[in-house]
Protein backbone atom coordinates (compact mmCIF):
# COMPACT_ATOMS: atom_id res chain seq x y z
CA MET A 1 -7.69 -12.19 20.67
CA MET A 2 -4.07 -11.56 20.62
CA THR A 3 -3.26 -14.22 18.21
CA ASN A 4 -5.23 -12.41 15.82
CA TYR A 5 -2.84 -9.62 15.88
CA PHE A 6 0.06 -11.84 15.59
CA GLU A 7 -1.43 -13.42 12.38
CA TYR A 8 -1.84 -9.83 11.08
CA LEU A 9 1.39 -8.53 12.01
CA LYS A 10 3.14 -11.28 9.87
CA LEU A 11 1.56 -10.05 6.89
CA VAL A 12 3.20 -6.54 7.27
CA PRO A 13 6.37 -7.10 5.29
CA ARG A 14 4.51 -8.64 2.21
CA GLY A 15 2.00 -6.07 2.51
CA LEU A 16 4.40 -3.41 2.29
CA LYS A 17 6.02 -4.87 -0.67
CA ASN A 18 2.77 -5.07 -2.37
CA ILE A 19 1.25 -1.91 -1.25
CA ASP A 20 0.28 -0.81 -4.70
CA GLN A 21 -1.87 -4.03 -5.30
CA ILE A 22 -3.33 -3.59 -1.71
CA LEU A 23 -4.38 0.03 -2.70
CA GLU A 24 -5.77 -0.97 -6.10
CA GLY A 25 -7.92 -3.77 -4.55
CA VAL A 26 -9.44 -1.12 -1.98
CA VAL A 27 -9.95 1.40 -4.62
CA ASN A 28 -11.95 -1.02 -6.89
CA ASN A 29 -13.86 -2.26 -4.06
CA VAL A 30 -15.03 1.32 -3.13
CA LYS A 31 -15.82 1.67 -7.09
CA ILE A 32 -17.84 -1.50 -6.95
CA LYS A 33 -19.95 -0.11 -3.91
CA HIS A 34 -20.62 3.03 -5.89
CA GLY A 35 -21.24 1.45 -9.20
CA THR A 36 -18.17 3.23 -10.89
CA LEU A 37 -16.05 0.25 -11.82
CA PRO A 38 -16.26 -0.84 -15.56
CA GLU A 39 -18.46 -3.85 -15.96
CA ASP A 40 -15.50 -6.08 -17.55
CA GLU A 41 -13.63 -5.48 -14.26
CA GLN A 42 -16.38 -6.29 -12.15
CA GLU A 43 -17.01 -9.56 -14.02
CA GLU A 44 -13.13 -10.49 -13.51
CA ILE A 45 -13.37 -9.73 -9.89
CA ILE A 46 -16.50 -11.77 -9.39
CA LYS A 47 -15.06 -14.41 -11.60
CA ARG A 48 -11.86 -14.59 -9.38
CA ARG A 49 -14.07 -14.76 -6.12
CA LEU A 50 -15.85 -17.66 -7.44
CA ILE A 51 -12.47 -19.45 -8.18
CA CYS A 52 -11.04 -18.54 -4.72
CA ASN A 53 -14.14 -19.71 -3.07
CA SER A 54 -13.86 -23.04 -4.53
CA CYS A 55 -10.17 -23.11 -3.96
CA PRO A 56 -8.58 -25.91 -1.29
CA TYR A 57 -6.23 -23.40 -0.27
CA PHE A 58 -8.76 -20.64 0.61
CA SER A 59 -9.13 -20.12 4.30
CA THR A 60 -12.58 -21.66 5.04
CA ASN A 61 -11.75 -24.81 2.88
CA ALA A 62 -8.07 -25.17 3.80
CA ILE A 63 -9.15 -25.96 7.19
CA ILE A 64 -10.44 -29.34 6.20
CA SER A 65 -8.87 -29.69 2.75
CA THR A 66 -7.03 -33.02 2.35
CA GLU A 67 -5.23 -31.10 -0.67
CA TYR A 68 -3.84 -28.32 1.52
CA LYS A 69 -2.43 -31.05 4.13
CA GLU A 70 -0.98 -33.16 1.12
CA VAL A 71 0.86 -29.85 -0.15
CA THR A 72 2.08 -28.32 3.06
CA GLY A 73 2.25 -31.55 5.54
CA GLU A 74 -0.12 -29.95 7.84
CA ASN A 75 -3.62 -28.88 8.54
CA TYR A 76 -4.44 -25.28 8.17
CA HIS A 77 -5.41 -23.22 11.32
CA THR A 78 -6.15 -19.73 11.85
CA THR A 79 -7.67 -17.45 14.42
CA ARG A 80 -8.68 -14.81 11.65
CA ALA A 81 -12.53 -14.33 11.08
CA ASP A 82 -11.96 -12.88 7.48
CA LYS A 83 -11.89 -15.12 4.37
CA HIS A 84 -8.40 -15.15 2.94
CA CYS A 85 -5.83 -17.00 1.05
CA ALA A 86 -4.12 -19.49 3.21
CA PHE A 87 -0.78 -19.21 1.52
CA CYS A 88 -0.41 -15.40 0.83
CA GLY A 89 -2.87 -14.41 3.71
CA CYS A 90 -4.38 -11.70 1.64
CA PRO A 91 -8.16 -10.89 2.35
CA GLU A 92 -10.27 -12.34 -0.46
CA GLU A 93 -11.84 -9.13 -1.08
CA ILE A 94 -8.67 -7.04 -1.50
CA ARG A 95 -6.62 -9.59 -3.44
CA THR A 96 -9.36 -10.35 -6.04
CA ALA A 97 -10.11 -6.80 -6.54
CA SER A 98 -6.48 -5.98 -7.47
CA LEU A 99 -6.59 -6.76 -11.14
CA ASP A 100 -2.58 -6.32 -11.30
CA ALA A 101 -2.24 -9.17 -8.80
CA ASN A 102 -1.97 -12.92 -9.27
CA CYS A 103 -3.56 -15.57 -7.37
CA GLY A 104 -2.13 -16.03 -3.91
CA ILE A 105 -0.52 -19.28 -4.54
CA GLU A 106 2.28 -17.29 -6.01
CA ALA A 107 3.50 -16.59 -2.43
CA TRP A 108 3.55 -20.63 -2.03
CA ASN A 109 5.55 -20.84 -5.40
CA GLU A 110 8.09 -18.12 -4.22
CA LYS A 111 8.85 -19.98 -1.12
CA HIS A 112 8.64 -23.50 -2.62
CA PRO A 113 10.18 -23.24 -6.22
CA ASP A 114 10.86 -27.00 -6.05
CA LYS A 115 7.09 -27.88 -5.91
CA PRO A 116 5.09 -25.11 -7.41
CA LEU A 117 1.54 -25.22 -7.85
CA GLU A 118 -0.47 -23.75 -10.76
CA LEU A 119 -2.03 -20.30 -10.29
CA LYS A 120 -5.85 -20.28 -10.08
CA TRP A 121 -5.84 -16.76 -11.76
CA LYS A 122 -3.32 -14.30 -13.20
CA GLU A 123 -3.01 -10.62 -13.64
CA TRP A 124 -5.74 -9.20 -15.74
CA LYS A 125 -4.63 -7.59 -18.91
CA ARG A 126 -6.61 -4.65 -19.69
CA ILE A 127 -7.38 -4.13 -23.23
CA LYS A 128 -6.18 -0.46 -24.33
CA ILE A 129 -7.95 1.14 -27.06
């Protein structure tokens, strides 16, 4: 149980740097639950979640993903119970609901500019009228 806390503690510095995106994700999830998020934004979030759930770097997939092992040189392991990105550590529900955020692969690319991976989705540009 204590190992879970260490995994979450490692996320704090990056989380503080991106607090605006985290708050946006939390607020958008509340809006979804209350039916107040615009339909086009909901559709974007659903699309992102489908992409994440099929991604080889998504926590539930990364554990057995040969692609993850090829890229990182090791198997993914975690004590966390939540679904999250194996690269950035963000919970899927928060990251995907932050429309100003890019795919979590961005964290890998920041640390490994010599071997970048293609992002699965990017910041969503709202159409302003």
